[in-house]
Amino acid sequence: YPAMAEDSDTVTVIPLLTLADPDFESAPRRPAKLDG
């Protein structure tokens, strides 16, 4: 029973990426390049 934000409207659909979407691939564990 949370408080509703005063300016809150409503949503009826939550679009999600599909399981096959490449954006969902696991991020590499290697650190980013830090040359120099």
PDB file of all heavy atoms in Angstrom:
ATOM      1  N   TYR A   1       0.849  -1.189   0.000  1.00  0.00           N
ATOM      2  CA  TYR A   1       0.000   0.000   0.000  1.00  0.00           C
ATOM      3  C   TYR A   1       0.888   1.244   0.000  1.00  0.00           C
ATOM      4  O   TYR A   1       0.896   2.015   0.964  1.00  0.00           O
ATOM      5  CB  TYR A   1      -0.931  -0.004   1.213  1.00  0.00           C
ATOM      6  CG  TYR A   1      -1.964  -1.099   1.164  1.00  0.00           C
ATOM      7  CD1 TYR A   1      -1.691  -2.345   1.726  1.00  0.00           C
ATOM      8  CD2 TYR A   1      -3.196  -0.895   0.552  1.00  0.00           C
ATOM      9  CE1 TYR A   1      -2.628  -3.373   1.675  1.00  0.00           C
ATOM     10  CE2 TYR A   1      -4.138  -1.912   0.491  1.00  0.00           C
ATOM     11  CZ  TYR A   1      -3.842  -3.141   1.063  1.00  0.00           C
ATOM     12  OH  TYR A   1      -4.776  -4.152   0.998  1.00  0.00           O
ATOM     13  N   PRO A   2       1.631   1.453  -1.068  1.00  0.00           N
ATOM     14  CA  PRO A   2       2.549   2.600  -1.110  1.00  0.00           C
ATOM     15  C   PRO A   2       1.787   3.888  -1.410  1.00  0.00           C
ATOM     16  O   PRO A   2       0.672   3.875  -1.944  1.00  0.00           O
ATOM     17  CB  PRO A   2       3.484   2.244  -2.265  1.00  0.00           C
ATOM     18  CG  PRO A   2       2.613   1.457  -3.197  1.00  0.00           C
ATOM     19  CD  PRO A   2       1.670   0.674  -2.318  1.00  0.00           C
ATOM     20  N   ALA A   3       2.423   5.000  -1.084  1.00  0.00           N
ATOM     21  CA  ALA A   3       1.864   6.286  -1.498  1.00  0.00           C
ATOM     22  C   ALA A   3       2.033   6.424  -3.006  1.00  0.00           C
ATOM     23  O   ALA A   3       3.030   5.972  -3.575  1.00  0.00           O
ATOM     24  CB  ALA A   3       2.585   7.413  -0.770  1.00  0.00           C
ATOM     25  N   MET A   4       1.040   7.018  -3.649  1.00  0.00           N
ATOM     26  CA  MET A   4       1.120   7.260  -5.078  1.00  0.00           C
ATOM     27  C   MET A   4       1.729   8.642  -5.314  1.00  0.00           C
ATOM     28  O   MET A   4       1.322   9.619  -4.675  1.00  0.00           O
ATOM     29  CB  MET A   4      -0.266   7.179  -5.723  1.00  0.00           C
ATOM     30  CG  MET A   4      -1.003   5.884  -5.409  1.00  0.00           C
ATOM     31  SD  MET A   4      -0.123   4.412  -6.006  1.00  0.00           S
ATOM     32  CE  MET A   4      -1.043   3.116  -5.174  1.00  0.00           C
ATOM     33  N   ALA A   5       2.711   8.723  -6.202  1.00  0.00           N
ATOM     34  CA  ALA A   5       3.278  10.027  -6.527  1.00  0.00           C
ATOM     35  C   ALA A   5       2.184  10.927  -7.084  1.00  0.00           C
ATOM     36  O   ALA A   5       1.319  10.485  -7.848  1.00  0.00           O
ATOM     37  CB  ALA A   5       4.406   9.859  -7.551  1.00  0.00           C
ATOM     38  N   GLU A   6       2.205  12.196  -6.690  1.00  0.00           N
ATOM     39  CA  GLU A   6       1.113  13.106  -7.031  1.00  0.00           C
ATOM     40  C   GLU A   6       0.901  13.238  -8.529  1.00  0.00           C
ATOM     41  O   GLU A   6      -0.222  13.398  -8.992  1.00  0.00           O
ATOM     42  CB  GLU A   6       1.382  14.485  -6.410  1.00  0.00           C
ATOM     43  CG  GLU A   6       1.320  14.491  -4.889  1.00  0.00           C
ATOM     44  CD  GLU A   6       1.544  15.877  -4.319  1.00  0.00           C
ATOM     45  OE1 GLU A   6       1.744  16.814  -5.135  1.00  0.00           O
ATOM     46  OE2 GLU A   6       1.518  16.026  -3.096  1.00  0.00           O
ATOM     47  N   ASP A   7       1.983  13.186  -9.291  1.00  0.00           N
ATOM     48  CA  ASP A   7       1.863  13.375 -10.735  1.00  0.00           C
ATOM     49  C   ASP A   7       1.804  12.053 -11.491  1.00  0.00           C
ATOM     50  O   ASP A   7       2.012  12.001 -12.699  1.00  0.00           O
ATOM     51  CB  ASP A   7       3.037  14.204 -11.263  1.00  0.00           C
ATOM     52  CG  ASP A   7       4.373  13.552 -10.937  1.00  0.00           C
ATOM     53  OD1 ASP A   7       4.396  12.634 -10.095  1.00  0.00           O
ATOM     54  OD2 ASP A   7       5.383  13.961 -11.535  1.00  0.00           O
ATOM     55  N   SER A   8       1.502  10.957 -10.782  1.00  0.00           N
ATOM     56  CA  SER A   8       1.534   9.646 -11.417  1.00  0.00           C
ATOM     57  C   SER A   8       0.290   9.396 -12.262  1.00  0.00           C
ATOM     58  O   SER A   8      -0.835   9.617 -11.810  1.00  0.00           O
ATOM     59  CB  SER A   8       1.662   8.542 -10.360  1.00  0.00           C
ATOM     60  OG  SER A   8       1.694   7.271 -10.963  1.00  0.00           O
ATOM     61  N   ASP A   9       0.523   8.924 -13.504  1.00  0.00           N
ATOM     62  CA  ASP A   9      -0.589   8.437 -14.304  1.00  0.00           C
ATOM     63  C   ASP A   9      -0.582   6.911 -14.185  1.00  0.00           C
ATOM     64  O   ASP A   9      -0.123   6.377 -13.174  1.00  0.00           O
ATOM     65  CB  ASP A   9      -0.477   8.914 -15.757  1.00  0.00           C
ATOM     66  CG  ASP A   9       0.888   8.574 -16.356  1.00  0.00           C
ATOM     67  OD1 ASP A   9       1.708   7.952 -15.657  1.00  0.00           O
ATOM     68  OD2 ASP A   9       1.131   8.931 -17.524  1.00  0.00           O
ATOM     69  N   THR A  10      -1.080   6.204 -15.166  1.00  0.00           N
ATOM     70  CA  THR A  10      -1.118   4.740 -15.082  1.00  0.00           C
ATOM     71  C   THR A  10      -0.477   4.116 -16.315  1.00  0.00           C
ATOM     72  O   THR A  10      -0.290   4.763 -17.353  1.00  0.00           O
ATOM     73  CB  THR A  10      -2.569   4.233 -14.972  1.00  0.00           C
ATOM     74  OG1 THR A  10      -3.305   4.649 -16.141  1.00  0.00           O
ATOM     75  CG2 THR A  10      -3.235   4.776 -13.722  1.00  0.00           C
ATOM     76  N   VAL A  11      -0.117   2.841 -16.175  1.00  0.00           N
ATOM     77  CA  VAL A  11       0.368   2.060 -17.312  1.00  0.00           C
ATOM     78  C   VAL A  11      -0.479   0.808 -17.408  1.00  0.00           C
ATOM     79  O   VAL A  11      -0.974   0.283 -16.414  1.00  0.00           O
ATOM     80  CB  VAL A  11       1.851   1.684 -17.149  1.00  0.00           C
ATOM     81  CG1 VAL A  11       2.734   2.902 -17.213  1.00  0.00           C
ATOM     82  CG2 VAL A  11       2.084   0.938 -15.845  1.00  0.00           C
ATOM     83  N   THR A  12      -0.671   0.342 -18.616  1.00  0.00           N
ATOM     84  CA  THR A  12      -1.449  -0.876 -18.841  1.00  0.00           C
ATOM     85  C   THR A  12      -0.642  -1.960 -19.530  1.00  0.00           C
ATOM     86  O   THR A  12      -1.042  -3.117 -19.544  1.00  0.00           O
ATOM     87  CB  THR A  12      -2.693  -0.565 -19.699  1.00  0.00           C
ATOM     88  OG1 THR A  12      -2.282   0.052 -20.925  1.00  0.00           O
ATOM     89  CG2 THR A  12      -3.640   0.371 -18.965  1.00  0.00           C
ATOM     90  N   VAL A  13       0.510  -1.586 -20.119  1.00  0.00           N
ATOM     91  CA  VAL A  13       1.374  -2.545 -20.802  1.00  0.00           C
ATOM     92  C   VAL A  13       2.818  -2.209 -20.455  1.00  0.00           C
ATOM     93  O   VAL A  13       3.196  -1.034 -20.422  1.00  0.00           O
ATOM     94  CB  VAL A  13       1.185  -2.502 -22.332  1.00  0.00           C
ATOM     95  CG1 VAL A  13       2.170  -3.457 -23.010  1.00  0.00           C
ATOM     96  CG2 VAL A  13      -0.231  -2.852 -22.720  1.00  0.00           C
ATOM     97  N   ILE A  14       3.608  -3.223 -20.176  1.00  0.00           N
ATOM     98  CA  ILE A  14       5.037  -3.029 -19.926  1.00  0.00           C
ATOM     99  C   ILE A  14       5.805  -3.729 -21.035  1.00  0.00           C
ATOM    100  O   ILE A  14       5.914  -4.955 -21.040  1.00  0.00           O
ATOM    101  CB  ILE A  14       5.450  -3.585 -18.557  1.00  0.00           C
ATOM    102  CG1 ILE A  14       4.694  -2.854 -17.445  1.00  0.00           C
ATOM    103  CG2 ILE A  14       6.960  -3.445 -18.350  1.00  0.00           C
ATOM    104  CD1 ILE A  14       5.012  -3.346 -16.058  1.00  0.00           C
ATOM    105  N   PRO A  15       6.310  -2.981 -22.017  1.00  0.00           N
ATOM    106  CA  PRO A  15       7.044  -3.620 -23.117  1.00  0.00           C
ATOM    107  C   PRO A  15       8.371  -4.156 -22.628  1.00  0.00           C
ATOM    108  O   PRO A  15       9.115  -3.491 -21.912  1.00  0.00           O
ATOM    109  CB  PRO A  15       7.242  -2.471 -24.118  1.00  0.00           C
ATOM    110  CG  PRO A  15       7.204  -1.238 -23.272  1.00  0.00           C
ATOM    111  CD  PRO A  15       6.254  -1.526 -22.151  1.00  0.00           C
ATOM    112  N   LEU A  16       8.682  -5.378 -22.992  1.00  0.00           N
ATOM    113  CA  LEU A  16       9.928  -6.019 -22.568  1.00  0.00           C
ATOM    114  C   LEU A  16      10.691  -6.504 -23.783  1.00  0.00           C
ATOM    115  O   LEU A  16      10.100  -6.873 -24.805  1.00  0.00           O
ATOM    116  CB  LEU A  16       9.634  -7.212 -21.656  1.00  0.00           C
ATOM    117  CG  LEU A  16       8.914  -6.911 -20.341  1.00  0.00           C
ATOM    118  CD1 LEU A  16       8.510  -8.221 -19.677  1.00  0.00           C
ATOM    119  CD2 LEU A  16       9.807  -6.113 -19.410  1.00  0.00           C
ATOM    120  N   LEU A  17      12.026  -6.509 -23.691  1.00  0.00           N
ATOM    121  CA  LEU A  17      12.828  -7.148 -24.715  1.00  0.00           C
ATOM    122  C   LEU A  17      12.601  -8.651 -24.650  1.00  0.00           C
ATOM    123  O   LEU A  17      12.349  -9.208 -23.596  1.00  0.00           O
ATOM    124  CB  LEU A  17      14.310  -6.843 -24.489  1.00  0.00           C
ATOM    125  CG  LEU A  17      14.711  -5.364 -24.575  1.00  0.00           C
ATOM    126  CD1 LEU A  17      16.186  -5.223 -24.244  1.00  0.00           C
ATOM    127  CD2 LEU A  17      14.412  -4.791 -25.941  1.00  0.00           C
ATOM    128  N   THR A  18      12.673  -9.304 -25.786  1.00  0.00           N
ATOM    129  CA  THR A  18      12.468 -10.751 -25.815  1.00  0.00           C
ATOM    130  C   THR A  18      13.721 -11.456 -25.317  1.00  0.00           C
ATOM    131  O   THR A  18      14.812 -10.884 -25.254  1.00  0.00           O
ATOM    132  CB  THR A  18      12.155 -11.238 -27.245  1.00  0.00           C
ATOM    133  OG1 THR A  18      13.317 -11.007 -28.060  1.00  0.00           O
ATOM    134  CG2 THR A  18      10.976 -10.478 -27.820  1.00  0.00           C
ATOM    135  N   LEU A  19      13.570 -12.730 -24.979  1.00  0.00           N
ATOM    136  CA  LEU A  19      14.709 -13.501 -24.495  1.00  0.00           C
ATOM    137  C   LEU A  19      15.811 -13.609 -25.524  1.00  0.00           C
ATOM    138  O   LEU A  19      16.965 -13.837 -25.190  1.00  0.00           O
ATOM    139  CB  LEU A  19      14.250 -14.899 -24.064  1.00  0.00           C
ATOM    140  CG  LEU A  19      13.349 -14.960 -22.843  1.00  0.00           C
ATOM    141  CD1 LEU A  19      12.977 -16.396 -22.545  1.00  0.00           C
ATOM    142  CD2 LEU A  19      14.012 -14.349 -21.629  1.00  0.00           C
ATOM    143  N   ALA A  20      15.464 -13.495 -26.806  1.00  0.00           N
ATOM    144  CA  ALA A  20      16.464 -13.639 -27.854  1.00  0.00           C
ATOM    145  C   ALA A  20      17.157 -12.317 -28.177  1.00  0.00           C
ATOM    146  O   ALA A  20      18.075 -12.262 -28.979  1.00  0.00           O
ATOM    147  CB  ALA A  20      15.818 -14.191 -29.135  1.00  0.00           C
ATOM    148  N   ASP A  21      16.716 -11.215 -27.590  1.00  0.00           N
ATOM    149  CA  ASP A  21      17.263  -9.908 -27.904  1.00  0.00           C
ATOM    150  C   ASP A  21      18.723  -9.840 -27.470  1.00  0.00           C
ATOM    151  O   ASP A  21      19.060 -10.181 -26.343  1.00  0.00           O
ATOM    152  CB  ASP A  21      16.472  -8.816 -27.186  1.00  0.00           C
ATOM    153  CG  ASP A  21      16.754  -7.445 -27.777  1.00  0.00           C
ATOM    154  OD1 ASP A  21      17.915  -7.016 -27.688  1.00  0.00           O
ATOM    155  OD2 ASP A  21      15.814  -6.834 -28.313  1.00  0.00           O
ATOM    156  N   PRO A  22      19.624  -9.398 -28.370  1.00  0.00           N
ATOM    157  CA  PRO A  22      21.045  -9.364 -28.023  1.00  0.00           C
ATOM    158  C   PRO A  22      21.355  -8.438 -26.861  1.00  0.00           C
ATOM    159  O   PRO A  22      22.374  -8.580 -26.197  1.00  0.00           O
ATOM    160  CB  PRO A  22      21.716  -8.875 -29.317  1.00  0.00           C
ATOM    161  CG  PRO A  22      20.630  -8.196 -30.091  1.00  0.00           C
ATOM    162  CD  PRO A  22      19.375  -8.959 -29.747  1.00  0.00           C
ATOM    163  N   ASP A  23      20.480  -7.451 -26.592  1.00  0.00           N
ATOM    164  CA  ASP A  23      20.736  -6.548 -25.474  1.00  0.00           C
ATOM    165  C   ASP A  23      20.717  -7.274 -24.151  1.00  0.00           C
ATOM    166  O   ASP A  23      21.184  -6.760 -23.137  1.00  0.00           O
ATOM    167  CB  ASP A  23      19.691  -5.422 -25.449  1.00  0.00           C
ATOM    168  CG  ASP A  23      19.911  -4.429 -26.575  1.00  0.00           C
ATOM    169  OD1 ASP A  23      21.004  -4.474 -27.173  1.00  0.00           O
ATOM    170  OD2 ASP A  23      19.006  -3.631 -26.849  1.00  0.00           O
ATOM    171  N   PHE A  24      20.132  -8.472 -24.143  1.00  0.00           N
ATOM    172  CA  PHE A  24      20.044  -9.221 -22.911  1.00  0.00           C
ATOM    173  C   PHE A  24      21.219 -10.163 -22.708  1.00  0.00           C
ATOM    174  O   PHE A  24      21.282 -10.860 -21.711  1.00  0.00           O
ATOM    175  CB  PHE A  24      18.745 -10.055 -22.881  1.00  0.00           C
ATOM    176  CG  PHE A  24      17.588  -9.328 -22.282  1.00  0.00           C
ATOM    177  CD1 PHE A  24      16.838  -8.455 -23.039  1.00  0.00           C
ATOM    178  CD2 PHE A  24      17.266  -9.501 -20.954  1.00  0.00           C
ATOM    179  CE1 PHE A  24      15.776  -7.778 -22.481  1.00  0.00           C
ATOM    180  CE2 PHE A  24      16.205  -8.833 -20.393  1.00  0.00           C
ATOM    181  CZ  PHE A  24      15.456  -7.968 -21.165  1.00  0.00           C
ATOM    182  N   GLU A  25      22.142 -10.211 -23.643  1.00  0.00           N
ATOM    183  CA  GLU A  25      23.284 -11.098 -23.481  1.00  0.00           C
ATOM    184  C   GLU A  25      24.100 -10.662 -22.272  1.00  0.00           C
ATOM    185  O   GLU A  25      24.218  -9.477 -21.964  1.00  0.00           O
ATOM    186  CB  GLU A  25      24.156 -11.077 -24.739  1.00  0.00           C
ATOM    187  CG  GLU A  25      23.460 -11.722 -25.951  1.00  0.00           C
ATOM    188  CD  GLU A  25      23.070 -13.157 -25.672  1.00  0.00           C
ATOM    189  OE1 GLU A  25      23.876 -13.909 -25.106  1.00  0.00           O
ATOM    190  OE2 GLU A  25      21.939 -13.517 -26.013  1.00  0.00           O
ATOM    191  N   SER A  26      24.677 -11.612 -21.591  1.00  0.00           N
ATOM    192  CA  SER A  26      25.438 -11.302 -20.392  1.00  0.00           C
ATOM    193  C   SER A  26      26.606 -10.381 -20.730  1.00  0.00           C
ATOM    194  O   SER A  26      27.293 -10.562 -21.729  1.00  0.00           O
ATOM    195  CB  SER A  26      25.977 -12.587 -19.755  1.00  0.00           C
ATOM    196  OG  SER A  26      24.917 -13.431 -19.388  1.00  0.00           O
ATOM    197  N   ALA A  27      26.820  -9.408 -19.873  1.00  0.00           N
ATOM    198  CA  ALA A  27      27.933  -8.492 -20.075  1.00  0.00           C
ATOM    199  C   ALA A  27      29.250  -9.222 -19.804  1.00  0.00           C
ATOM    200  O   ALA A  27      29.317 -10.076 -18.921  1.00  0.00           O
ATOM    201  CB  ALA A  27      27.805  -7.296 -19.140  1.00  0.00           C
ATOM    202  N   PRO A  28      30.283  -8.927 -20.562  1.00  0.00           N
ATOM    203  CA  PRO A  28      31.561  -9.583 -20.324  1.00  0.00           C
ATOM    204  C   PRO A  28      32.119  -9.207 -18.961  1.00  0.00           C
ATOM    205  O   PRO A  28      31.901  -8.105 -18.474  1.00  0.00           O
ATOM    206  CB  PRO A  28      32.450  -9.051 -21.460  1.00  0.00           C
ATOM    207  CG  PRO A  28      31.829  -7.743 -21.831  1.00  0.00           C
ATOM    208  CD  PRO A  28      30.348  -7.939 -21.632  1.00  0.00           C
ATOM    209  N   ARG A  29      32.844 -10.133 -18.346  1.00  0.00           N
ATOM    210  CA  ARG A  29      33.405  -9.865 -17.034  1.00  0.00           C
ATOM    211  C   ARG A  29      34.770  -9.193 -17.121  1.00  0.00           C
ATOM    212  O   ARG A  29      35.325  -8.759 -16.135  1.00  0.00           O
ATOM    213  CB  ARG A  29      33.509 -11.162 -16.221  1.00  0.00           C
ATOM    214  CG  ARG A  29      32.187 -11.634 -15.683  1.00  0.00           C
ATOM    215  CD  ARG A  29      32.402 -12.797 -14.742  1.00  0.00           C
ATOM    216  NE  ARG A  29      32.923 -13.956 -15.434  1.00  0.00           N
ATOM    217  CZ  ARG A  29      32.141 -14.874 -15.999  1.00  0.00           C
ATOM    218  NH1 ARG A  29      30.854 -14.767 -15.953  1.00  0.00           N
ATOM    219  NH2 ARG A  29      32.682 -15.902 -16.619  1.00  0.00           N
ATOM    220  N   ARG A  30      35.360  -9.154 -18.337  1.00  0.00           N
ATOM    221  CA  ARG A  30      36.646  -8.492 -18.466  1.00  0.00           C
ATOM    222  C   ARG A  30      36.490  -6.996 -18.191  1.00  0.00           C
ATOM    223  O   ARG A  30      35.498  -6.390 -18.581  1.00  0.00           O
ATOM    224  CB  ARG A  30      37.195  -8.669 -19.889  1.00  0.00           C
ATOM    225  CG  ARG A  30      37.817 -10.029 -20.143  1.00  0.00           C
ATOM    226  CD  ARG A  30      38.419 -10.060 -21.529  1.00  0.00           C
ATOM    227  NE  ARG A  30      39.093 -11.312 -21.789  1.00  0.00           N
ATOM    228  CZ  ARG A  30      40.355 -11.550 -21.474  1.00  0.00           C
ATOM    229  NH1 ARG A  30      41.057 -10.626 -20.840  1.00  0.00           N
ATOM    230  NH2 ARG A  30      40.911 -12.703 -21.750  1.00  0.00           N
ATOM    231  N   PRO A  31      37.467  -6.370 -17.556  1.00  0.00           N
ATOM    232  CA  PRO A  31      37.375  -4.937 -17.339  1.00  0.00           C
ATOM    233  C   PRO A  31      37.475  -4.180 -18.647  1.00  0.00           C
ATOM    234  O   PRO A  31      38.036  -4.675 -19.629  1.00  0.00           O
ATOM    235  CB  PRO A  31      38.573  -4.645 -16.431  1.00  0.00           C
ATOM    236  CG  PRO A  31      39.534  -5.759 -16.714  1.00  0.00           C
ATOM    237  CD  PRO A  31      38.682  -6.964 -17.010  1.00  0.00           C
ATOM    238  N   ALA A  32      36.914  -2.966 -18.696  1.00  0.00           N
ATOM    239  CA  ALA A  32      37.012  -2.142 -19.885  1.00  0.00           C
ATOM    240  C   ALA A  32      38.487  -1.811 -20.153  1.00  0.00           C
ATOM    241  O   ALA A  32      39.330  -1.852 -19.257  1.00  0.00           O
ATOM    242  CB  ALA A  32      36.209  -0.860 -19.685  1.00  0.00           C
ATOM    243  N   LYS A  33      38.817  -1.469 -21.393  1.00  0.00           N
ATOM    244  CA  LYS A  33      40.178  -1.109 -21.726  1.00  0.00           C
ATOM    245  C   LYS A  33      40.573   0.167 -20.994  1.00  0.00           C
ATOM    246  O   LYS A  33      39.839   1.148 -20.989  1.00  0.00           O
ATOM    247  CB  LYS A  33      40.315  -0.924 -23.242  1.00  0.00           C
ATOM    248  CG  LYS A  33      40.381  -2.248 -24.009  1.00  0.00           C
ATOM    249  CD  LYS A  33      41.620  -3.041 -23.584  1.00  0.00           C
ATOM    250  CE  LYS A  33      41.733  -4.366 -24.321  1.00  0.00           C
ATOM    251  NZ  LYS A  33      42.906  -5.149 -23.843  1.00  0.00           N
ATOM    252  N   LEU A  34      41.741   0.128 -20.363  1.00  0.00           N
ATOM    253  CA  LEU A  34      42.214   1.256 -19.567  1.00  0.00           C
ATOM    254  C   LEU A  34      43.604   1.677 -20.025  1.00  0.00           C
ATOM    255  O   LEU A  34      44.441   2.081 -19.212  1.00  0.00           O
ATOM    256  CB  LEU A  34      42.236   0.883 -18.083  1.00  0.00           C
ATOM    257  CG  LEU A  34      40.902   0.494 -17.452  1.00  0.00           C
ATOM    258  CD1 LEU A  34      41.120  -0.034 -16.032  1.00  0.00           C
ATOM    259  CD2 LEU A  34      39.959   1.695 -17.418  1.00  0.00           C
ATOM    260  N   ASP A  35      43.864   1.581 -21.334  1.00  0.00           N
ATOM    261  CA  ASP A  35      45.191   1.873 -21.855  1.00  0.00           C
ATOM    262  C   ASP A  35      45.664   3.253 -21.405  1.00  0.00           C
ATOM    263  O   ASP A  35      45.005   4.270 -21.666  1.00  0.00           O
ATOM    264  CB  ASP A  35      45.192   1.810 -23.383  1.00  0.00           C
ATOM    265  CG  ASP A  35      44.935   0.396 -23.891  1.00  0.00           C
ATOM    266  OD1 ASP A  35      45.281  -0.546 -23.166  1.00  0.00           O
ATOM    267  OD2 ASP A  35      44.381   0.247 -24.992  1.00  0.00           O
ATOM    268  N   GLY A  36      46.816   3.265 -20.734  1.00  0.00           N
ATOM    269  CA  GLY A  36      47.414   4.533 -20.336  1.00  0.00           C
ATOM    270  C   GLY A  36      46.846   5.165 -19.088  1.00  0.00           C
ATOM    271  O   GLY A  36      47.379   6.163 -18.592  1.00  0.00           O
TER     272      GLY A  36
END
